[in-house]
Protein backbone atom coordinates (compact mmCIF):
# COMPACT_ATOMS: atom_id res chain seq x y z
CA UNK A 1 320.80 3.48 153.57
CA UNK A 2 317.78 4.10 151.33
CA UNK A 3 314.64 5.23 152.59
CA UNK A 4 311.35 5.14 150.46
CA UNK A 5 308.76 7.86 150.35
CA UNK A 6 305.71 6.20 149.64
CA UNK A 7 303.55 9.11 148.76
CA UNK A 8 305.85 10.04 145.99
CA UNK A 9 307.54 6.83 144.53
CA UNK A 10 310.85 8.15 145.09
CA UNK A 11 313.66 6.68 147.11
CA UNK A 12 316.29 8.84 148.83
CA UNK A 13 319.50 8.07 150.32
CA UNK A 14 319.86 8.62 153.93
CA UNK A 15 323.29 10.21 154.86
CA UNK A 16 324.42 11.83 158.16
CA UNK A 17 325.29 15.41 158.95
CA UNK A 18 321.92 17.22 159.45
CA UNK A 19 321.74 20.86 158.49
CA UNK A 20 325.50 20.50 157.63
CA UNK A 21 325.43 17.90 155.17
CA UNK A 22 324.46 20.20 152.35
CA UNK A 23 327.62 21.99 151.10
CA UNK A 24 328.11 25.53 152.10
CA UNK A 25 326.35 25.24 155.56
CA UNK A 26 328.15 25.31 159.20
CA UNK A 27 326.70 25.18 162.40
CA UNK A 28 327.84 25.30 166.05
CA UNK A 29 326.38 25.92 169.58
CA UNK A 30 327.47 26.86 173.03
CA UNK A 31 325.98 27.14 176.46
CA UNK A 32 324.77 30.64 178.02
CA UNK A 33 322.85 29.67 180.92
CA UNK A 34 319.67 31.04 179.44
CA UNK A 35 316.88 29.15 181.76
CA UNK A 36 319.49 28.73 184.38
CA UNK A 37 322.84 30.66 184.72
CA UNK A 38 324.33 27.77 186.53
CA UNK A 39 323.27 25.24 183.93
CA UNK A 40 326.03 24.17 181.41
CA UNK A 41 324.05 22.31 178.64
CA UNK A 42 324.32 23.73 175.14
CA UNK A 43 321.18 26.36 174.55
CA UNK A 44 322.39 28.90 171.85
CA UNK A 45 322.73 27.76 168.34
CA UNK A 46 323.80 29.07 165.16
CA UNK A 47 323.59 27.88 161.63
CA UNK A 48 325.14 29.84 158.82
CA UNK A 49 325.63 29.69 154.91
CA UNK A 50 328.90 30.83 153.35
CA UNK A 51 326.91 31.48 150.08
CA UNK A 52 323.93 33.81 149.36
CA UNK A 53 320.63 32.00 149.59
CA UNK A 54 317.24 31.65 148.73
CA UNK A 55 315.03 31.29 152.01
CA UNK A 56 311.46 30.78 152.57
CA UNK A 57 309.77 30.51 156.08
CA UNK A 58 306.49 29.52 157.54
CA UNK A 59 305.55 30.91 160.88
CA UNK A 60 302.87 30.18 164.05
CA UNK A 61 299.28 30.99 162.91
CA UNK A 62 298.64 32.09 166.52
CA UNK A 63 297.39 35.88 166.74
CA UNK A 64 299.80 35.89 169.94
CA UNK A 65 303.60 35.92 168.39
CA UNK A 66 306.83 35.74 170.00
CA UNK A 67 309.12 38.71 169.47
CA UNK A 68 311.90 36.54 167.34
CA UNK A 69 308.52 35.39 165.23
CA UNK A 70 307.71 39.04 164.27
CA UNK A 71 311.45 39.94 163.86
CA UNK A 72 312.16 36.98 161.50
CA UNK A 73 309.11 37.66 159.67
CA UNK A 74 310.44 41.03 158.67
CA UNK A 75 314.05 40.03 157.91
CA UNK A 76 313.12 36.78 155.70
CA UNK A 77 311.19 39.21 153.22
CA UNK A 78 314.56 40.95 152.30
CA UNK A 79 316.11 37.65 150.90
CA UNK A 80 319.40 36.28 150.68
CA UNK A 81 319.47 35.16 154.70
CA UNK A 82 323.05 34.16 155.93
CA UNK A 83 322.13 32.79 159.29
CA UNK A 84 319.77 31.63 161.74
CA UNK A 85 320.43 32.12 165.73
CA UNK A 86 317.93 30.18 167.82
CA UNK A 87 318.03 29.64 171.63
CA UNK A 88 316.22 27.34 174.22
CA UNK A 89 315.15 27.86 177.62
CA UNK A 90 313.12 31.00 176.92
CA UNK A 91 310.31 31.57 174.31
CA UNK A 92 310.67 35.47 174.34
CA UNK A 93 306.81 35.60 174.04
CA UNK A 94 304.66 38.08 175.75
CA UNK A 95 307.47 40.10 176.61
CA UNK A 96 306.36 43.33 174.93
CA UNK A 97 308.64 45.60 173.29
CA UNK A 98 311.66 44.61 175.20
CA UNK A 99 311.20 41.33 173.76
CA UNK A 100 311.34 43.07 169.96
CA UNK A 101 314.61 44.53 171.07
CA UNK A 102 316.00 41.39 172.60
CA UNK A 103 315.40 39.68 169.39
CA UNK A 104 317.00 42.57 167.00
CA UNK A 105 319.90 42.51 169.56
CA UNK A 106 320.48 39.20 168.59
CA UNK A 107 320.24 39.50 165.07
CA UNK A 108 322.32 42.48 165.33
CA UNK A 109 325.42 40.83 167.18
CA UNK A 110 325.17 37.91 165.06
CA UNK A 111 325.48 39.89 161.89
CA UNK A 112 328.51 42.00 163.07
CA UNK A 113 330.32 38.84 164.05
CA UNK A 114 329.39 37.21 160.67
CA UNK A 115 330.29 40.19 158.58
CA UNK A 116 326.42 40.29 157.10
CA UNK A 117 323.67 42.51 157.37
CA UNK A 118 321.36 42.24 160.54
CA UNK A 119 318.37 41.70 158.28
CA UNK A 120 320.34 38.77 156.85
CA UNK A 121 319.79 36.93 160.06
CA UNK A 122 316.96 35.41 161.50
CA UNK A 123 315.95 34.72 165.01
CA UNK A 124 314.31 31.63 166.80
CA UNK A 125 313.50 30.94 170.56
CA UNK A 126 311.61 28.27 172.36
CA UNK A 127 311.08 27.98 175.96
CA UNK A 128 308.90 29.48 178.58
CA UNK A 129 306.40 32.16 177.49
CA UNK A 130 306.24 35.42 179.51
CA UNK A 131 309.87 35.67 180.95
CA UNK A 132 312.20 38.13 179.96
CA UNK A 133 315.02 37.23 177.79
CA UNK A 134 318.41 37.16 179.61
CA UNK A 135 319.88 39.30 176.92
CA UNK A 136 323.01 40.27 178.90
CA UNK A 137 324.00 36.69 179.12
CA UNK A 138 323.45 36.11 175.39
CA UNK A 139 324.98 39.10 173.31
CA UNK A 140 328.43 38.92 175.04
CA UNK A 141 328.80 35.36 174.27
CA UNK A 142 327.70 35.61 170.06
CA UNK A 143 331.57 35.99 169.32
CA UNK A 144 332.09 32.48 170.82
CA UNK A 145 329.00 31.38 169.26
CA UNK A 146 330.38 32.07 165.64
CA UNK A 147 333.67 30.65 166.57
CA UNK A 148 331.83 27.51 167.10
CA UNK A 149 330.85 27.13 163.52
CA UNK A 150 332.00 24.10 161.77
CA UNK A 151 331.15 21.68 158.96
CA UNK A 152 330.16 19.00 161.37
CA UNK A 153 328.06 21.14 163.99
CA UNK A 154 324.73 20.27 163.05
CA UNK A 155 324.68 17.60 166.31
CA UNK A 156 325.55 20.51 168.61
CA UNK A 157 322.98 22.84 167.07
CA UNK A 158 320.20 20.38 167.52
CA UNK A 159 321.19 19.84 171.36
CA UNK A 160 321.07 23.41 171.86
CA UNK A 161 317.47 23.91 170.76
CA UNK A 162 315.75 21.02 172.51
CA UNK A 163 313.62 21.61 175.39
CA UNK A 164 311.43 18.97 176.56
CA UNK A 165 312.76 16.62 173.91
CA UNK A 166 314.22 13.43 174.89
CA UNK A 167 315.82 12.65 171.49
CA UNK A 168 317.38 14.73 168.84
CA UNK A 169 315.48 14.97 165.45
CA UNK A 170 317.65 15.16 162.64
CA UNK A 171 317.81 13.68 158.99
CA UNK A 172 319.73 14.44 155.81
CA UNK A 173 319.42 12.89 151.98
CA UNK A 174 321.53 12.96 149.03
CA UNK A 175 319.53 13.10 145.81
CA UNK A 176 320.26 12.34 141.93
CA UNK A 177 319.02 14.44 139.59
CA UNK A 178 320.20 15.18 135.87
CA UNK A 179 323.25 13.47 136.35
CA UNK A 180 324.39 15.45 139.57
CA UNK A 181 323.70 15.37 143.16
CA UNK A 182 322.08 17.61 145.92
CA UNK A 183 321.44 17.35 149.62
CA UNK A 184 318.81 18.30 152.14
CA UNK A 185 319.08 18.10 155.76
CA UNK A 186 317.03 19.56 158.60
CA UNK A 187 317.20 19.59 162.41
CA UNK A 188 313.84 20.06 164.69
CA UNK A 189 312.45 20.26 168.16
CA UNK A 190 309.17 19.66 169.72
CA UNK A 191 307.65 17.31 172.20
CA UNK A 192 304.70 19.24 173.79
CA UNK A 193 302.31 22.32 172.58
CA UNK A 194 302.04 20.28 169.69
CA UNK A 195 298.85 20.92 166.88
CA UNK A 196 298.24 21.25 163.33
CA UNK A 197 298.78 24.78 161.91
CA UNK A 198 302.30 24.91 162.83
CA UNK A 199 302.81 22.95 166.05
CA UNK A 200 305.05 24.41 168.65
CA UNK A 201 308.08 23.36 166.96
CA UNK A 202 311.26 24.90 165.26
CA UNK A 203 312.68 23.34 162.20
CA UNK A 204 315.50 24.40 160.16
CA UNK A 205 316.12 22.73 156.38
CA UNK A 206 318.96 23.52 154.42
CA UNK A 207 319.58 22.53 151.09
CA UNK A 208 322.61 22.88 148.39
CA UNK A 209 320.40 22.64 145.35
CA UNK A 210 319.74 26.32 143.84
CA UNK A 211 316.10 26.73 143.75
CA UNK A 212 314.28 29.84 142.45
CA UNK A 213 312.81 31.84 145.19
CA UNK A 214 309.02 31.42 143.79
CA UNK A 215 309.34 27.83 143.48
CA UNK A 216 311.07 27.29 146.94
CA UNK A 217 308.03 29.35 148.48
CA UNK A 218 305.58 27.01 146.70
CA UNK A 219 307.57 23.92 147.68
CA UNK A 220 307.90 24.69 151.26
CA UNK A 221 304.23 25.98 151.73
CA UNK A 222 303.14 22.64 150.34
CA UNK A 223 305.57 20.50 152.11
CA UNK A 224 304.66 22.05 155.62
CA UNK A 225 301.15 21.70 154.69
CA UNK A 226 301.43 17.76 154.03
CA UNK A 227 304.13 17.38 157.02
CA UNK A 228 303.98 19.58 159.94
CA UNK A 229 300.29 20.75 159.76
CA UNK A 230 299.24 17.18 160.02
CA UNK A 231 300.50 16.55 163.45
CA UNK A 232 298.94 16.75 166.81
CA UNK A 233 299.98 15.76 170.45
CA UNK A 234 297.78 17.94 172.67
CA UNK A 235 295.87 20.25 170.36
CA UNK A 236 297.92 23.44 171.38
CA UNK A 237 299.40 25.67 168.88
CA UNK A 238 302.30 27.95 170.17
CA UNK A 239 303.85 31.38 169.94
CA UNK A 240 307.16 30.44 168.58
CA UNK A 241 306.26 27.90 165.67
CA UNK A 242 308.63 28.47 162.75
CA UNK A 243 310.23 26.40 159.58
CA UNK A 244 313.05 27.91 157.76
CA UNK A 245 314.41 26.47 154.59
CA UNK A 246 317.61 27.79 152.95
CA UNK A 247 318.91 27.22 149.75
CA UNK A 248 322.58 28.17 148.65
CA UNK A 249 323.12 26.74 145.25
CA UNK A 250 326.07 24.94 146.20
CA UNK A 251 325.65 22.00 144.11
CA UNK A 252 326.02 21.45 140.24
CA UNK A 253 322.37 20.60 139.91
CA UNK A 254 320.71 23.14 137.59
CA UNK A 255 318.41 25.96 138.76
CA UNK A 256 315.38 24.66 139.89
CA UNK A 257 312.20 26.60 139.20
CA UNK A 258 308.89 25.72 137.87
CA UNK A 259 308.25 22.48 135.74
CA UNK A 260 312.38 22.45 135.42
CA UNK A 261 313.57 18.66 135.19
CA UNK A 262 314.39 18.45 138.94
CA UNK A 263 311.37 20.36 140.45
CA UNK A 264 309.47 17.32 141.23
CA UNK A 265 312.15 15.47 142.90
CA UNK A 266 313.09 18.39 144.76
CA UNK A 267 309.69 19.02 146.14
CA UNK A 268 309.63 15.51 147.07
CA UNK A 269 312.69 15.45 148.71
CA UNK A 270 311.72 18.61 150.84
CA UNK A 271 308.54 16.88 151.87
CA UNK A 272 310.54 13.63 152.99
CA UNK A 273 312.73 15.25 155.10
CA UNK A 274 309.91 17.45 156.87
CA UNK A 275 307.74 14.33 157.00
CA UNK A 276 310.68 12.42 158.82
CA UNK A 277 310.82 15.30 161.22
CA UNK A 278 307.44 15.70 161.66
CA UNK A 279 307.24 11.92 162.89
CA UNK A 280 310.02 12.25 164.88
CA UNK A 281 308.47 15.07 167.10
CA UNK A 282 305.06 13.11 167.36
CA UNK A 283 306.91 9.85 168.67
CA UNK A 284 308.80 11.96 171.16
CA UNK A 285 305.56 13.72 172.80
CA UNK A 286 305.79 14.45 176.02
CA UNK A 287 305.43 11.25 178.06
CA UNK A 288 303.25 9.73 175.31
CA UNK A 289 303.50 5.86 174.96
CA UNK A 290 301.37 5.53 171.40
CA UNK A 291 302.03 6.80 168.23
CA UNK A 292 298.84 6.77 165.81
CA UNK A 293 297.98 7.48 162.63
CA UNK A 294 294.72 8.92 161.67
CA UNK A 295 293.20 7.93 158.06
CA UNK A 296 290.18 9.47 156.50
CA UNK A 297 288.99 8.30 153.35
CA UNK A 298 286.09 8.42 151.34
CA UNK A 299 284.91 11.90 152.46
CA UNK A 300 282.84 14.01 150.16
CA UNK A 301 285.50 16.96 150.38
CA UNK A 302 289.19 17.49 151.21
CA UNK A 303 287.84 19.74 154.00
CA UNK A 304 285.47 17.58 155.44
CA UNK A 305 288.21 14.48 155.59
CA UNK A 306 290.57 17.07 157.30
CA UNK A 307 287.92 18.09 159.59
CA UNK A 308 287.16 14.44 160.63
CA UNK A 309 290.87 13.78 160.93
CA UNK A 310 291.86 16.34 163.18
CA UNK A 311 288.73 16.42 165.53
CA UNK A 312 289.48 12.69 166.33
CA UNK A 313 293.09 13.27 166.53
CA UNK A 314 292.61 15.87 168.96
CA UNK A 315 289.96 14.14 171.36
CA UNK A 316 290.79 13.92 174.71
CA UNK A 317 288.40 10.82 175.45
CA UNK A 318 289.82 9.24 172.19
CA UNK A 319 293.35 9.74 173.41
CA UNK A 320 292.74 8.38 176.75
CA UNK A 321 291.28 5.27 175.54
CA UNK A 322 294.39 4.72 173.29
CA UNK A 323 296.52 5.26 176.39
CA UNK A 324 294.73 2.27 177.99
CA UNK A 325 294.92 -0.01 174.89
CA UNK A 326 290.96 0.36 174.79
CA UNK A 327 289.61 -0.18 171.15
CA UNK A 328 286.75 2.21 172.05
CA UNK A 329 285.46 2.77 168.63
CA UNK A 330 282.46 4.55 170.00
CA UNK A 331 284.64 7.27 171.31
CA UNK A 332 285.91 7.58 167.84
CA UNK A 333 282.63 7.89 166.32
CA UNK A 334 281.27 10.48 168.61
CA UNK A 335 284.41 12.78 167.79
CA UNK A 336 283.57 12.10 164.05
CA UNK A 337 280.02 13.42 164.84
CA UNK A 338 280.78 16.58 166.16
CA UNK A 339 283.48 17.03 163.38
CA UNK A 340 282.32 20.01 161.31
CA UNK A 341 281.81 17.79 158.24
CA UNK A 342 279.25 15.97 156.13
CA UNK A 343 278.48 12.37 157.28
CA UNK A 344 276.13 9.72 157.48
CA UNK A 345 276.23 8.08 160.55
CA UNK A 346 274.84 4.91 158.98
CA UNK A 347 277.82 4.50 156.33
CA UNK A 348 280.77 5.25 158.68
CA UNK A 349 283.38 2.37 158.92
CA UNK A 350 286.19 2.19 161.42
CA UNK A 351 289.27 0.03 161.50
CA UNK A 352 291.87 -0.41 164.00
CA UNK A 353 295.43 -1.38 162.25
CA UNK A 354 293.01 -2.75 159.63
CA UNK A 355 290.57 -4.70 161.60
CA UNK A 356 286.94 -3.74 160.90
CA UNK A 357 285.25 -2.66 164.40
CA UNK A 358 282.55 -0.38 162.80
CA UNK A 359 280.52 -1.32 159.64
CA UNK A 360 277.68 1.02 158.77
CA UNK A 361 277.95 2.91 161.99
CA UNK A 362 277.41 -0.50 163.76
CA UNK A 363 279.77 -3.17 165.77
CA UNK A 364 281.12 -5.83 163.83
CA UNK A 365 281.75 -9.29 164.85
CA UNK A 366 285.48 -8.79 165.22
CA UNK A 367 286.83 -10.04 169.01
CA UNK A 368 287.45 -6.98 171.12
CA UNK A 369 290.74 -9.33 171.98
CA UNK A 370 291.84 -8.94 168.53
CA UNK A 371 291.32 -5.41 168.62
CA UNK A 372 292.87 -4.86 171.86
CA UNK A 373 296.12 -6.47 170.22
CA UNK A 374 296.35 -3.53 167.79
CA UNK A 375 295.67 -0.91 170.55
CA UNK A 376 298.41 -2.60 172.70
CA UNK A 377 301.11 -1.74 170.10
CA UNK A 378 303.32 1.48 170.37
CA UNK A 379 302.30 2.34 166.61
CA UNK A 380 299.02 1.57 164.89
CA UNK A 381 296.42 3.01 162.60
CA UNK A 382 292.79 4.17 162.69
CA UNK A 383 290.99 4.28 159.28
CA UNK A 384 287.87 6.08 159.28
CA UNK A 385 286.04 5.52 156.08
CA UNK A 386 283.14 7.96 155.43
CA UNK A 387 281.97 6.35 152.24
CA UNK A 388 280.73 9.48 150.89
CA UNK A 389 283.12 10.36 147.92
CA UNK A 390 286.74 10.27 147.35
CA UNK A 391 288.55 12.79 149.27
CA UNK A 392 291.30 11.49 152.18
CA UNK A 393 293.65 13.10 154.78
CA UNK A 394 295.64 11.74 157.53
CA UNK A 395 296.96 12.99 160.69
CA UNK A 396 299.75 11.79 162.95
CA UNK A 397 298.85 11.96 167.02
CA UNK A 398 299.45 10.15 170.16
CA UNK A 399 297.85 9.00 173.26
CA UNK A 400 297.33 11.21 176.41
CA UNK A 401 298.91 10.05 179.53
CA UNK A 402 298.75 10.60 183.31
CA UNK A 403 302.58 11.36 182.95
CA UNK A 404 301.92 14.01 180.30
CA UNK A 405 299.64 15.74 183.01
CA UNK A 406 302.20 15.65 185.72
CA UNK A 407 304.97 16.84 183.31
CA UNK A 408 303.15 19.81 182.17
CA UNK A 409 301.46 21.01 185.55
CA UNK A 410 304.31 23.20 187.00
CA UNK A 411 306.54 24.32 184.26
CA UNK A 412 306.05 28.01 184.95
CA UNK A 413 306.17 27.99 188.36
CA UNK A 414 309.35 25.82 188.79
CA UNK A 415 310.88 28.70 186.64
CA UNK A 416 310.11 31.23 188.73
CA UNK A 417 311.10 29.41 191.85
CA UNK A 418 314.68 28.77 190.03
CA UNK A 419 314.95 32.43 189.48
CA UNK A 420 314.27 33.31 193.07
CA UNK A 421 316.71 30.75 194.21
CA UNK A 422 319.61 32.33 192.07
CA UNK A 423 318.52 35.65 192.88
CA UNK A 424 317.12 36.78 189.66
CA UNK A 425 313.42 37.42 190.33
């Protein structure tokens, strides 16, 4: 299968395998009963490289950071990361000094079993905030986790990091360059607490391309800005957001560095993988029914375009109207008006799926029934033309449903009750 990347005019061959599609990577997962000691679902994952790596990561911009984030931020500075251990069911956030100790304990146990240094292991967690990590159920099982590593373990690792996700999020591609091929693969989790500036998500990406550390940093930061930082479901940024990219050079493609022959195609490939994962996250939003792309064009500056796109994408009123299939352009216009951007009301045009609903800030003669056909679809676009310049920006977002509210109304209380019933609280 081939998949076009319209933003870059490259065509990539999609392949199975996720993070184990690139050479030299293994993955695995086990069940530790992290959230519920009686549960048997996979909840502890491991991804490992058999070779030295160049590794880059982006973390949450929240000033409230989980213990695992703080530990991984320090470890990734060392370089040559060999493994990522990740769990679901517990965020290890707002857990104080003990949370730091628990995160370090996970990296230490993993390093010992793999025969690497503690600082060569990154750690990620996702789940409920404010609950102590049941480290006593994790560390004794790390040996079993390492034993589970295999060349086809990406699917198990993906299952183990899922929380409220209903679908796995995985992609891998094979890329030709300079007469050779390299691969990029990734897995991700995320369905709620999603907002630009690193949504509440984990994404692990591997490649067997050999990439210079400085180029990997540039490529990763640019790709994250163009993908994961352009999605929002509910306007909430999390404490645990992490994207990690590992490059181990197992392919025969020459070293990729700034302005080398394969640089642009590598950047495009990395961006493509991240974009596919980002769209999967939005499509799997907690109890959402609509996938909406907001396209802002004609802005005077990039920052103005970004401000308008994100403001509209996060408006609760706008999202509610989409849930009802209501092409209420007035709600879009009101969000445009309070965005921190330069606009002129009498110049704004708004389109639903290509149909003009607003021209020059006023209603058009487009029949409402035709607009409703657009907003009744599970996927559609909303284009906002400010007619002030050449800058543009796009954001992927969703509607807001009654089921979303119900789903998120009792997570913490339910967890506390479950602990009490098992005698752990």
